């Protein structure tokens, strides 16, 4: 893996150069798909253990029924204030449930992964 850097700037977090994404075609219509969220944004239930600030590679299960006031983000790589005021800007769980209710997608699994 090749790393890049900027003279005079140093991050507290290891940031590798990310390769271009590989896109896979959707094999069926979106209204026949079950959609689960998986995110590295640091989202978790407030009653769950918070993520460590650097190098925490653990995960948390987020129920599909979780309400916005039950969720928060702890992540050492950015200011969490905005995302904690509107969790759906980073972890759009409630928008996903709205898509299910509108018939745009087939289903939302019982839990998601943060």
PDB file of N, CA and C in Angstrom:
ATOM      1  N   UNK A   1       0.851  -1.168   0.000  1.00  0.00           N
ATOM      2  CA  UNK A   1       0.000   0.000   0.000  1.00  0.00           C
ATOM      3  C   UNK A   1       0.897   1.232   0.000  1.00  0.00           C
ATOM      4  N   UNK A   2       0.590   2.167  -0.876  1.00  0.00           N
ATOM      5  CA  UNK A   2       1.360   3.387  -0.960  1.00  0.00           C
ATOM      6  C   UNK A   2       0.623   4.488  -0.214  1.00  0.00           C
ATOM      7  N   UNK A   3       1.319   5.209   0.643  1.00  0.00           N
ATOM      8  CA  UNK A   3       0.714   6.293   1.388  1.00  0.00           C
ATOM      9  C   UNK A   3       1.135   7.626   0.796  1.00  0.00           C
ATOM     10  N   UNK A   4       0.268   8.609   0.904  1.00  0.00           N
ATOM     11  CA  UNK A   4       0.592   9.953   0.448  1.00  0.00           C
ATOM     12  C   UNK A   4       0.647  10.866   1.657  1.00  0.00           C
ATOM     13  N   UNK A   5       1.282  11.988   1.527  1.00  0.00           N
ATOM     14  CA  UNK A   5       1.384  12.918   2.643  1.00  0.00           C
ATOM     15  C   UNK A   5       1.495  14.336   2.153  1.00  0.00           C
ATOM     16  N   UNK A   6       1.263  15.263   3.075  1.00  0.00           N
ATOM     17  CA  UNK A   6       1.403  16.681   2.799  1.00  0.00           C
ATOM     18  C   UNK A   6       2.423  17.227   3.783  1.00  0.00           C
ATOM     19  N   UNK A   7       3.532  17.792   3.288  1.00  0.00           N
ATOM     20  CA  UNK A   7       4.556  18.328   4.198  1.00  0.00           C
ATOM     21  C   UNK A   7       3.955  19.316   5.192  1.00  0.00           C
ATOM     22  N   UNK A   8       4.301  19.171   6.448  1.00  0.00           N
ATOM     23  CA  UNK A   8       3.843  20.086   7.482  1.00  0.00           C
ATOM     24  C   UNK A   8       2.518  19.714   8.125  1.00  0.00           C
ATOM     25  N   UNK A   9       1.785  18.748   7.562  1.00  0.00           N
ATOM     26  CA  UNK A   9       0.516  18.319   8.141  1.00  0.00           C
ATOM     27  C   UNK A   9       0.642  16.878   8.608  1.00  0.00           C
ATOM     28  N   UNK A  10       0.075  16.610   9.777  1.00  0.00           N
ATOM     29  CA  UNK A  10       0.115  15.249  10.294  1.00  0.00           C
ATOM     30  C   UNK A  10      -1.205  14.935  10.960  1.00  0.00           C
ATOM     31  N   UNK A  11      -1.808  13.825  10.580  1.00  0.00           N
ATOM     32  CA  UNK A  11      -3.064  13.389  11.175  1.00  0.00           C
ATOM     33  C   UNK A  11      -2.774  12.478  12.353  1.00  0.00           C
ATOM     34  N   UNK A  12      -3.662  12.503  13.323  1.00  0.00           N
ATOM     35  CA  UNK A  12      -3.549  11.567  14.440  1.00  0.00           C
ATOM     36  C   UNK A  12      -4.063  10.193  14.051  1.00  0.00           C
ATOM     37  N   UNK A  13      -4.692  10.111  12.890  1.00  0.00           N
ATOM     38  CA  UNK A  13      -5.303   8.865  12.433  1.00  0.00           C
ATOM     39  C   UNK A  13      -4.606   8.390  11.166  1.00  0.00           C
ATOM     40  N   UNK A  14      -4.260   7.110  11.106  1.00  0.00           N
ATOM     41  CA  UNK A  14      -3.691   6.508   9.905  1.00  0.00           C
ATOM     42  C   UNK A  14      -4.723   6.588   8.788  1.00  0.00           C
ATOM     43  N   UNK A  15      -4.364   7.177   7.677  1.00  0.00           N
ATOM     44  CA  UNK A  15      -5.278   7.339   6.550  1.00  0.00           C
ATOM     45  C   UNK A  15      -4.623   6.783   5.290  1.00  0.00           C
ATOM     46  N   UNK A  16      -4.984   5.577   4.883  1.00  0.00           N
ATOM     47  CA  UNK A  16      -4.382   5.005   3.675  1.00  0.00           C
ATOM     48  C   UNK A  16      -4.966   5.629   2.415  1.00  0.00           C
ATOM     49  N   UNK A  17      -4.240   5.534   1.343  1.00  0.00           N
ATOM     50  CA  UNK A  17      -4.769   5.946   0.048  1.00  0.00           C
ATOM     51  C   UNK A  17      -5.797   4.904  -0.364  1.00  0.00           C
ATOM     52  N   UNK A  18      -6.986   5.350  -0.665  1.00  0.00           N
ATOM     53  CA  UNK A  18      -8.083   4.439  -0.970  1.00  0.00           C
ATOM     54  C   UNK A  18      -8.170   4.198  -2.472  1.00  0.00           C
ATOM     55  N   UNK A  19      -8.214   2.937  -2.899  1.00  0.00           N
ATOM     56  CA  UNK A  19      -8.361   2.662  -4.328  1.00  0.00           C
ATOM     57  C   UNK A  19      -9.752   3.044  -4.822  1.00  0.00           C
ATOM     58  N   UNK A  20      -9.884   3.165  -6.124  1.00  0.00           N
ATOM     59  CA  UNK A  20     -11.184   3.485  -6.720  1.00  0.00           C
ATOM     60  C   UNK A  20     -12.193   2.386  -6.366  1.00  0.00           C
ATOM     61  N   UNK A  21     -13.469   2.749  -6.162  1.00  0.00           N
ATOM     62  CA  UNK A  21     -14.479   1.732  -5.821  1.00  0.00           C
ATOM     63  C   UNK A  21     -14.745   0.787  -6.991  1.00  0.00           C
ATOM     64  N   UNK A  22     -15.154  -0.407  -6.645  1.00  0.00           N
ATOM     65  CA  UNK A  22     -15.563  -1.393  -7.647  1.00  0.00           C
ATOM     66  C   UNK A  22     -17.082  -1.484  -7.556  1.00  0.00           C
ATOM     67  N   UNK A  23     -17.764  -1.134  -8.635  1.00  0.00           N
ATOM     68  CA  UNK A  23     -19.216  -1.134  -8.627  1.00  0.00           C
ATOM     69  C   UNK A  23     -19.733  -2.443  -9.198  1.00  0.00           C
ATOM     70  N   UNK A  24     -20.677  -3.029  -8.521  1.00  0.00           N
ATOM     71  CA  UNK A  24     -21.329  -4.248  -8.999  1.00  0.00           C
ATOM     72  C   UNK A  24     -22.737  -3.880  -9.446  1.00  0.00           C
ATOM     73  N   UNK A  25     -23.174  -4.385 -10.578  1.00  0.00           N
ATOM     74  CA  UNK A  25     -24.532  -4.068 -11.027  1.00  0.00           C
ATOM     75  C   UNK A  25     -25.575  -4.685 -10.098  1.00  0.00           C
ATOM     76  N   UNK A  26     -26.679  -3.994  -9.924  1.00  0.00           N
ATOM     77  CA  UNK A  26     -27.778  -4.514  -9.132  1.00  0.00           C
ATOM     78  C   UNK A  26     -28.457  -5.609  -9.940  1.00  0.00           C
ATOM     79  N   UNK A  27     -28.616  -6.790  -9.355  1.00  0.00           N
ATOM     80  CA  UNK A  27     -29.115  -7.952 -10.084  1.00  0.00           C
ATOM     81  C   UNK A  27     -30.622  -8.047 -10.217  1.00  0.00           C
ATOM     82  N   UNK A  28     -31.366  -7.156  -9.541  1.00  0.00           N
ATOM     83  CA  UNK A  28     -32.823  -7.180  -9.621  1.00  0.00           C
ATOM     84  C   UNK A  28     -33.337  -5.775  -9.331  1.00  0.00           C
ATOM     85  N   UNK A  29     -34.598  -5.519  -9.577  1.00  0.00           N
ATOM     86  CA  UNK A  29     -35.148  -4.187  -9.307  1.00  0.00           C
ATOM     87  C   UNK A  29     -35.010  -3.819  -7.827  1.00  0.00           C
ATOM     88  N   UNK A  30     -34.807  -2.531  -7.554  1.00  0.00           N
ATOM     89  CA  UNK A  30     -34.611  -2.075  -6.180  1.00  0.00           C
ATOM     90  C   UNK A  30     -35.812  -2.397  -5.294  1.00  0.00           C
ATOM     91  N   UNK A  31     -37.007  -2.445  -5.858  1.00  0.00           N
ATOM     92  CA  UNK A  31     -38.194  -2.744  -5.039  1.00  0.00           C
ATOM     93  C   UNK A  31     -38.284  -4.221  -4.655  1.00  0.00           C
ATOM     94  N   UNK A  32     -37.335  -5.034  -5.099  1.00  0.00           N
ATOM     95  CA  UNK A  32     -37.238  -6.432  -4.683  1.00  0.00           C
ATOM     96  C   UNK A  32     -36.043  -6.664  -3.756  1.00  0.00           C
ATOM     97  N   UNK A  33     -35.387  -5.583  -3.334  1.00  0.00           N
ATOM     98  CA  UNK A  33     -34.156  -5.694  -2.544  1.00  0.00           C
ATOM     99  C   UNK A  33     -34.386  -5.400  -1.058  1.00  0.00           C
ATOM    100  N   UNK A  34     -33.673  -6.140  -0.229  1.00  0.00           N
ATOM    101  CA  UNK A  34     -33.575  -5.862   1.206  1.00  0.00           C
ATOM    102  C   UNK A  34     -32.307  -5.031   1.391  1.00  0.00           C
ATOM    103  N   UNK A  35     -32.389  -3.909   2.094  1.00  0.00           N
ATOM    104  CA  UNK A  35     -31.265  -2.993   2.223  1.00  0.00           C
ATOM    105  C   UNK A  35     -30.851  -2.887   3.688  1.00  0.00           C
ATOM    106  N   UNK A  36     -29.562  -3.143   3.962  1.00  0.00           N
ATOM    107  CA  UNK A  36     -28.990  -3.014   5.304  1.00  0.00           C
ATOM    108  C   UNK A  36     -27.900  -1.946   5.259  1.00  0.00           C
ATOM    109  N   UNK A  37     -27.812  -1.138   6.303  1.00  0.00           N
ATOM    110  CA  UNK A  37     -26.751  -0.141   6.409  1.00  0.00           C
ATOM    111  C   UNK A  37     -25.550  -0.739   7.128  1.00  0.00           C
ATOM    112  N   UNK A  38     -24.373  -0.450   6.626  1.00  0.00           N
ATOM    113  CA  UNK A  38     -23.114  -0.790   7.294  1.00  0.00           C
ATOM    114  C   UNK A  38     -22.228   0.438   7.150  1.00  0.00           C
ATOM    115  N   UNK A  39     -21.800   0.997   8.266  1.00  0.00           N
ATOM    116  CA  UNK A  39     -21.088   2.271   8.224  1.00  0.00           C
ATOM    117  C   UNK A  39     -19.927   2.297   9.208  1.00  0.00           C
ATOM    118  N   UNK A  40     -18.884   3.009   8.843  1.00  0.00           N
ATOM    119  CA  UNK A  40     -17.734   3.230   9.716  1.00  0.00           C
ATOM    120  C   UNK A  40     -17.774   4.645  10.307  1.00  0.00           C
ATOM    121  N   UNK A  41     -18.974   5.245  10.364  1.00  0.00           N
ATOM    122  CA  UNK A  41     -19.101   6.620  10.853  1.00  0.00           C
ATOM    123  C   UNK A  41     -19.037   6.718  12.374  1.00  0.00           C
ATOM    124  N   UNK A  42     -19.081   5.603  13.080  1.00  0.00           N
ATOM    125  CA  UNK A  42     -19.012   5.623  14.541  1.00  0.00           C
ATOM    126  C   UNK A  42     -20.375   5.675  15.213  1.00  0.00           C
ATOM    127  N   UNK A  43     -21.428   5.285  14.502  1.00  0.00           N
ATOM    128  CA  UNK A  43     -22.777   5.326  15.064  1.00  0.00           C
ATOM    129  C   UNK A  43     -22.999   4.163  16.031  1.00  0.00           C
ATOM    130  N   UNK A  44     -23.741   4.442  17.100  1.00  0.00           N
ATOM    131  CA  UNK A  44     -24.110   3.407  18.068  1.00  0.00           C
ATOM    132  C   UNK A  44     -25.289   3.895  18.890  1.00  0.00           C
ATOM    133  N   UNK A  45     -25.950   2.961  19.562  1.00  0.00           N
ATOM    134  CA  UNK A  45     -26.992   3.333  20.509  1.00  0.00           C
ATOM    135  C   UNK A  45     -26.331   4.017  21.697  1.00  0.00           C
ATOM    136  N   UNK A  46     -26.987   5.002  22.268  1.00  0.00           N
ATOM    137  CA  UNK A  46     -26.418   5.713  23.422  1.00  0.00           C
ATOM    138  C   UNK A  46     -26.147   4.765  24.589  1.00  0.00           C
ATOM    139  N   UNK A  47     -26.931   3.698  24.703  1.00  0.00           N
ATOM    140  CA  UNK A  47     -26.743   2.752  25.803  1.00  0.00           C
ATOM    141  C   UNK A  47     -25.606   1.756  25.530  1.00  0.00           C
ATOM    142  N   UNK A  48     -25.066   1.747  24.300  1.00  0.00           N
ATOM    143  CA  UNK A  48     -23.936   0.879  23.969  1.00  0.00           C
ATOM    144  C   UNK A  48     -22.626   1.586  24.290  1.00  0.00           C
ATOM    145  N   UNK A  49     -21.563   0.798  24.409  1.00  0.00           N
ATOM    146  CA  UNK A  49     -20.238   1.361  24.646  1.00  0.00           C
ATOM    147  C   UNK A  49     -19.835   2.248  23.472  1.00  0.00           C
ATOM    148  N   UNK A  50     -19.306   3.420  23.772  1.00  0.00           N
ATOM    149  CA  UNK A  50     -18.836   4.337  22.725  1.00  0.00           C
ATOM    150  C   UNK A  50     -17.611   3.748  22.044  1.00  0.00           C
ATOM    151  N   UNK A  51     -17.374   4.154  20.807  1.00  0.00           N
ATOM    152  CA  UNK A  51     -16.181   3.728  20.098  1.00  0.00           C
ATOM    153  C   UNK A  51     -14.972   4.458  20.658  1.00  0.00           C
ATOM    154  N   UNK A  52     -13.797   3.800  20.616  1.00  0.00           N
ATOM    155  CA  UNK A  52     -12.557   4.455  21.001  1.00  0.00           C
ATOM    156  C   UNK A  52     -12.222   5.527  19.980  1.00  0.00           C
ATOM    157  N   UNK A  53     -11.403   6.454  20.349  1.00  0.00           N
ATOM    158  CA  UNK A  53     -11.109   7.580  19.460  1.00  0.00           C
ATOM    159  C   UNK A  53     -10.243   7.205  18.267  1.00  0.00           C
ATOM    160  N   UNK A  54      -9.281   6.314  18.428  1.00  0.00           N
ATOM    161  CA  UNK A  54      -8.391   5.949  17.317  1.00  0.00           C
ATOM    162  C   UNK A  54      -8.174   4.440  17.327  1.00  0.00           C
ATOM    163  N   UNK A  55      -8.275   3.825  16.162  1.00  0.00           N
ATOM    164  CA  UNK A  55      -7.936   2.413  16.032  1.00  0.00           C
ATOM    165  C   UNK A  55      -8.962   1.441  16.576  1.00  0.00           C
ATOM    166  N   UNK A  56     -10.196   1.870  16.757  1.00  0.00           N
ATOM    167  CA  UNK A  56     -11.243   0.970  17.243  1.00  0.00           C
ATOM    168  C   UNK A  56     -11.905   0.315  16.037  1.00  0.00           C
ATOM    169  N   UNK A  57     -11.710  -0.983  15.880  1.00  0.00           N
ATOM    170  CA  UNK A  57     -12.254  -1.706  14.737  1.00  0.00           C
ATOM    171  C   UNK A  57     -13.451  -2.581  15.125  1.00  0.00           C
ATOM    172  N   UNK A  58     -14.053  -2.316  16.283  1.00  0.00           N
ATOM    173  CA  UNK A  58     -15.215  -3.080  16.716  1.00  0.00           C
ATOM    174  C   UNK A  58     -16.467  -2.575  16.001  1.00  0.00           C
ATOM    175  N   UNK A  59     -17.579  -3.264  16.209  1.00  0.00           N
ATOM    176  CA  UNK A  59     -18.835  -2.855  15.575  1.00  0.00           C
ATOM    177  C   UNK A  59     -19.964  -2.909  16.595  1.00  0.00           C
ATOM    178  N   UNK A  60     -21.075  -2.261  16.249  1.00  0.00           N
ATOM    179  CA  UNK A  60     -22.267  -2.268  17.088  1.00  0.00           C
ATOM    180  C   UNK A  60     -23.468  -2.602  16.214  1.00  0.00           C
ATOM    181  N   UNK A  61     -24.392  -3.407  16.740  1.00  0.00           N
ATOM    182  CA  UNK A  61     -25.643  -3.678  16.026  1.00  0.00           C
ATOM    183  C   UNK A  61     -26.641  -2.568  16.355  1.00  0.00           C
ATOM    184  N   UNK A  62     -27.246  -2.032  15.295  1.00  0.00           N
ATOM    185  CA  UNK A  62     -28.230  -0.960  15.427  1.00  0.00           C
ATOM    186  C   UNK A  62     -29.583  -1.512  14.971  1.00  0.00           C
ATOM    187  N   UNK A  63     -30.560  -1.614  15.865  1.00  0.00           N
ATOM    188  CA  UNK A  63     -31.884  -2.123  15.459  1.00  0.00           C
ATOM    189  C   UNK A  63     -32.548  -1.189  14.444  1.00  0.00           C
ATOM    190  N   UNK A  64     -33.279  -1.755  13.511  1.00  0.00           N
ATOM    191  CA  UNK A  64     -34.004  -0.953  12.519  1.00  0.00           C
ATOM    192  C   UNK A  64     -35.059  -0.069  13.168  1.00  0.00           C
ATOM    193  N   UNK A  65     -35.476  -0.440  14.363  1.00  0.00           N
ATOM    194  CA  UNK A  65     -36.516   0.310  15.070  1.00  0.00           C
ATOM    195  C   UNK A  65     -35.955   1.438  15.937  1.00  0.00           C
ATOM    196  N   UNK A  66     -34.641   1.619  15.953  1.00  0.00           N
ATOM    197  CA  UNK A  66     -34.029   2.652  16.802  1.00  0.00           C
ATOM    198  C   UNK A  66     -34.508   4.042  16.394  1.00  0.00           C
ATOM    199  N   UNK A  67     -34.788   4.860  17.388  1.00  0.00           N
ATOM    200  CA  UNK A  67     -35.209   6.250  17.156  1.00  0.00           C
ATOM    201  C   UNK A  67     -33.976   7.155  17.158  1.00  0.00           C
ATOM    202  N   UNK A  68     -34.105   8.309  16.529  1.00  0.00           N
ATOM    203  CA  UNK A  68     -32.978   9.239  16.397  1.00  0.00           C
ATOM    204  C   UNK A  68     -32.399   9.622  17.762  1.00  0.00           C
ATOM    205  N   UNK A  69     -33.251   9.821  18.765  1.00  0.00           N
ATOM    206  CA  UNK A  69     -32.746  10.234  20.077  1.00  0.00           C
ATOM    207  C   UNK A  69     -32.075   9.097  20.843  1.00  0.00           C
ATOM    208  N   UNK A  70     -32.090   7.877  20.299  1.00  0.00           N
ATOM    209  CA  UNK A  70     -31.396   6.738  20.909  1.00  0.00           C
ATOM    210  C   UNK A  70     -30.004   6.534  20.313  1.00  0.00           C
ATOM    211  N   UNK A  71     -29.678   7.260  19.236  1.00  0.00           N
ATOM    212  CA  UNK A  71     -28.427   7.065  18.496  1.00  0.00           C
ATOM    213  C   UNK A  71     -27.479   8.232  18.685  1.00  0.00           C
ATOM    214  N   UNK A  72     -26.192   7.940  18.569  1.00  0.00           N
ATOM    215  CA  UNK A  72     -25.175   8.982  18.573  1.00  0.00           C
ATOM    216  C   UNK A  72     -23.944   8.482  17.831  1.00  0.00           C
ATOM    217  N   UNK A  73     -23.025   9.385  17.560  1.00  0.00           N
ATOM    218  CA  UNK A  73     -21.775   9.054  16.886  1.00  0.00           C
ATOM    219  C   UNK A  73     -20.615   9.434  17.792  1.00  0.00           C
ATOM    220  N   UNK A  74     -19.670   8.513  17.957  1.00  0.00           N
ATOM    221  CA  UNK A  74     -18.383   8.838  18.572  1.00  0.00           C
ATOM    222  C   UNK A  74     -17.323   8.378  17.587  1.00  0.00           C
ATOM    223  N   UNK A  75     -16.596   9.330  17.073  1.00  0.00           N
ATOM    224  CA  UNK A  75     -15.585   9.057  16.048  1.00  0.00           C
ATOM    225  C   UNK A  75     -14.485  10.076  16.222  1.00  0.00           C
ATOM    226  N   UNK A  76     -13.252   9.623  16.255  1.00  0.00           N
ATOM    227  CA  UNK A  76     -12.122  10.519  16.479  1.00  0.00           C
ATOM    228  C   UNK A  76     -11.641  11.256  15.256  1.00  0.00           C
ATOM    229  N   UNK A  77     -12.226  11.019  14.072  1.00  0.00           N
ATOM    230  CA  UNK A  77     -11.702  11.608  12.852  1.00  0.00           C
ATOM    231  C   UNK A  77     -12.373  12.887  12.404  1.00  0.00           C
ATOM    232  N   UNK A  78     -13.464  13.295  13.052  1.00  0.00           N
ATOM    233  CA  UNK A  78     -14.155  14.518  12.662  1.00  0.00           C
ATOM    234  C   UNK A  78     -15.003  15.010  13.831  1.00  0.00           C
ATOM    235  N   UNK A  79     -15.460  16.252  13.750  1.00  0.00           N
ATOM    236  CA  UNK A  79     -16.334  16.835  14.766  1.00  0.00           C
ATOM    237  C   UNK A  79     -17.700  16.160  14.670  1.00  0.00           C
ATOM    238  N   UNK A  80     -18.152  15.568  15.733  1.00  0.00           N
ATOM    239  CA  UNK A  80     -19.395  14.800  15.746  1.00  0.00           C
ATOM    240  C   UNK A  80     -20.648  15.642  16.009  1.00  0.00           C
ATOM    241  N   UNK A  81     -20.511  16.934  16.251  1.00  0.00           N
ATOM    242  CA  UNK A  81     -21.641  17.773  16.662  1.00  0.00           C
ATOM    243  C   UNK A  81     -22.773  17.781  15.637  1.00  0.00           C
ATOM    244  N   UNK A  82     -22.469  17.999  14.351  1.00  0.00           N
ATOM    245  CA  UNK A  82     -23.527  18.076  13.343  1.00  0.00           C
ATOM    246  C   UNK A  82     -24.255  16.752  13.173  1.00  0.00           C
ATOM    247  N   UNK A  83     -23.498  15.665  13.087  1.00  0.00           N
ATOM    248  CA  UNK A  83     -24.144  14.370  12.894  1.00  0.00           C
ATOM    249  C   UNK A  83     -24.975  13.989  14.121  1.00  0.00           C
ATOM    250  N   UNK A  84     -24.551  14.392  15.293  1.00  0.00           N
ATOM    251  CA  UNK A  84     -25.344  14.081  16.485  1.00  0.00           C
ATOM    252  C   UNK A  84     -26.602  14.940  16.580  1.00  0.00           C
ATOM    253  N   UNK A  85     -26.661  16.056  15.849  1.00  0.00           N
ATOM    254  CA  UNK A  85     -27.888  16.846  15.818  1.00  0.00           C
ATOM    255  C   UNK A  85     -28.874  16.303  14.784  1.00  0.00           C
ATOM    256  N   UNK A  86     -28.380  15.579  13.770  1.00  0.00           N
ATOM    257  CA  UNK A  86     -29.241  14.907  12.782  1.00  0.00           C
ATOM    258  C   UNK A  86     -28.545  13.636  12.332  1.00  0.00           C
ATOM    259  N   UNK A  87     -28.796  12.550  13.030  1.00  0.00           N
ATOM    260  CA  UNK A  87     -28.128  11.274  12.770  1.00  0.00           C
ATOM    261  C   UNK A  87     -28.340  10.784  11.344  1.00  0.00           C
ATOM    262  N   UNK A  88     -29.454  11.158  10.722  1.00  0.00           N
ATOM    263  CA  UNK A  88     -29.762  10.690   9.368  1.00  0.00           C
ATOM    264  C   UNK A  88     -28.855  11.284   8.296  1.00  0.00           C
ATOM    265  N   UNK A  89     -28.117  12.347   8.615  1.00  0.00           N
ATOM    266  CA  UNK A  89     -27.193  12.894   7.618  1.00  0.00           C
ATOM    267  C   UNK A  89     -26.002  11.961   7.406  1.00  0.00           C
ATOM    268  N   UNK A  90     -25.707  11.104   8.368  1.00  0.00           N
ATOM    269  CA  UNK A  90     -24.586  10.172   8.247  1.00  0.00           C
ATOM    270  C   UNK A  90     -25.039   8.710   8.230  1.00  0.00           C
ATOM    271  N   UNK A  91     -26.121   8.412   8.906  1.00  0.00           N
ATOM    272  CA  UNK A  91     -26.635   7.050   9.031  1.00  0.00           C
ATOM    273  C   UNK A  91     -28.138   7.115   8.774  1.00  0.00           C
ATOM    274  N   UNK A  92     -28.564   7.084   7.497  1.00  0.00           N
ATOM    275  CA  UNK A  92     -29.952   7.385   7.124  1.00  0.00           C
ATOM    276  C   UNK A  92     -30.956   6.265   7.421  1.00  0.00           C
ATOM    277  N   UNK A  93     -30.955   5.805   8.637  1.00  0.00           N
ATOM    278  CA  UNK A  93     -31.838   4.717   9.058  1.00  0.00           C
ATOM    279  C   UNK A  93     -33.316   5.063   8.871  1.00  0.00           C
ATOM    280  N   UNK A  94     -33.697   6.252   9.265  1.00  0.00           N
ATOM    281  CA  UNK A  94     -35.112   6.615   9.193  1.00  0.00           C
ATOM    282  C   UNK A  94     -35.554   6.869   7.753  1.00  0.00           C
ATOM    283  N   UNK A  95     -34.662   7.379   6.926  1.00  0.00           N
ATOM    284  CA  UNK A  95     -34.986   7.530   5.498  1.00  0.00           C
ATOM    285  C   UNK A  95     -35.151   6.159   4.849  1.00  0.00           C
ATOM    286  N   UNK A  96     -34.337   5.186   5.260  1.00  0.00           N
ATOM    287  CA  UNK A  96     -34.446   3.830   4.730  1.00  0.00           C
ATOM    288  C   UNK A  96     -35.796   3.217   5.093  1.00  0.00           C
ATOM    289  N   UNK A  97     -36.227   3.408   6.337  1.00  0.00           N
ATOM    290  CA  UNK A  97     -37.539   2.906   6.751  1.00  0.00           C
ATOM    291  C   UNK A  97     -38.670   3.584   5.974  1.00  0.00           C
ATOM    292  N   UNK A  98     -38.495   4.859   5.643  1.00  0.00           N
ATOM    293  CA  UNK A  98     -39.486   5.563   4.826  1.00  0.00           C
ATOM    294  C   UNK A  98     -39.546   4.972   3.412  1.00  0.00           C
ATOM    295  N   UNK A  99     -38.388   4.615   2.847  1.00  0.00           N
ATOM    296  CA  UNK A  99     -38.368   3.985   1.524  1.00  0.00           C
ATOM    297  C   UNK A  99     -39.099   2.649   1.537  1.00  0.00           C
ATOM    298  N   UNK A 100     -38.939   1.900   2.622  1.00  0.00           N
ATOM    299  CA  UNK A 100     -39.667   0.632   2.756  1.00  0.00           C
ATOM    300  C   UNK A 100     -41.172   0.891   2.822  1.00  0.00           C
ATOM    301  N   UNK A 101     -41.577   1.841   3.641  1.00  0.00           N
ATOM    302  CA  UNK A 101     -43.000   2.148   3.797  1.00  0.00           C
ATOM    303  C   UNK A 101     -43.630   2.610   2.482  1.00  0.00           C
ATOM    304  N   UNK A 102     -42.829   3.283   1.645  1.00  0.00           N
ATOM    305  CA  UNK A 102     -43.326   3.786   0.359  1.00  0.00           C
ATOM    306  C   UNK A 102     -43.263   2.725  -0.741  1.00  0.00           C
ATOM    307  N   UNK A 103     -42.702   1.548  -0.448  1.00  0.00           N
ATOM    308  CA  UNK A 103     -42.606   0.483  -1.434  1.00  0.00           C
ATOM    309  C   UNK A 103     -41.453   0.637  -2.411  1.00  0.00           C
ATOM    310  N   UNK A 104     -40.536   1.562  -2.129  1.00  0.00           N
ATOM    311  CA  UNK A 104     -39.379   1.765  -3.016  1.00  0.00           C
ATOM    312  C   UNK A 104     -38.414   0.595  -2.883  1.00  0.00           C
ATOM    313  N   UNK A 105     -38.240   0.086  -1.653  1.00  0.00           N
ATOM    314  CA  UNK A 105     -37.413  -1.102  -1.408  1.00  0.00           C
ATOM    315  C   UNK A 105     -38.305  -2.169  -0.769  1.00  0.00           C
ATOM    316  N   UNK A 106     -37.864  -3.421  -0.837  1.00  0.00           N
ATOM    317  CA  UNK A 106     -38.675  -4.525  -0.320  1.00  0.00           C
ATOM    318  C   UNK A 106     -38.705  -4.554   1.200  1.00  0.00           C
ATOM    319  N   UNK A 107     -37.517  -4.519   1.823  1.00  0.00           N
ATOM    320  CA  UNK A 107     -37.477  -4.675   3.275  1.00  0.00           C
ATOM    321  C   UNK A 107     -36.201  -4.092   3.855  1.00  0.00           C
ATOM    322  N   UNK A 108     -36.248  -3.897   5.168  1.00  0.00           N
ATOM    323  CA  UNK A 108     -35.110  -3.442   5.958  1.00  0.00           C
ATOM    324  C   UNK A 108     -34.881  -4.527   7.006  1.00  0.00           C
ATOM    325  N   UNK A 109     -33.678  -5.102   7.076  1.00  0.00           N
ATOM    326  CA  UNK A 109     -33.427  -6.162   8.059  1.00  0.00           C
ATOM    327  C   UNK A 109     -33.599  -5.684   9.495  1.00  0.00           C
ATOM    328  N   UNK A 110     -33.635  -6.625  10.420  1.00  0.00           N
ATOM    329  CA  UNK A 110     -33.858  -6.349  11.829  1.00  0.00           C
ATOM    330  C   UNK A 110     -32.796  -5.429  12.432  1.00  0.00           C
ATOM    331  N   UNK A 111     -31.558  -5.526  11.954  1.00  0.00           N
ATOM    332  CA  UNK A 111     -30.499  -4.673  12.490  1.00  0.00           C
ATOM    333  C   UNK A 111     -29.543  -4.239  11.384  1.00  0.00           C
ATOM    334  N   UNK A 112     -28.797  -3.191  11.695  1.00  0.00           N
ATOM    335  CA  UNK A 112     -27.768  -2.638  10.811  1.00  0.00           C
ATOM    336  C   UNK A 112     -26.453  -2.655  11.592  1.00  0.00           C
ATOM    337  N   UNK A 113     -25.364  -2.273  10.949  1.00  0.00           N
ATOM    338  CA  UNK A 113     -24.045  -2.350  11.594  1.00  0.00           C
ATOM    339  C   UNK A 113     -23.355  -0.998  11.564  1.00  0.00           C
ATOM    340  N   UNK A 114     -22.949  -0.571  12.739  1.00  0.00           N
ATOM    341  CA  UNK A 114     -22.161   0.644  12.874  1.00  0.00           C
ATOM    342  C   UNK A 114     -20.781   0.298  13.368  1.00  0.00           C
TER     343      UNK A 114
END
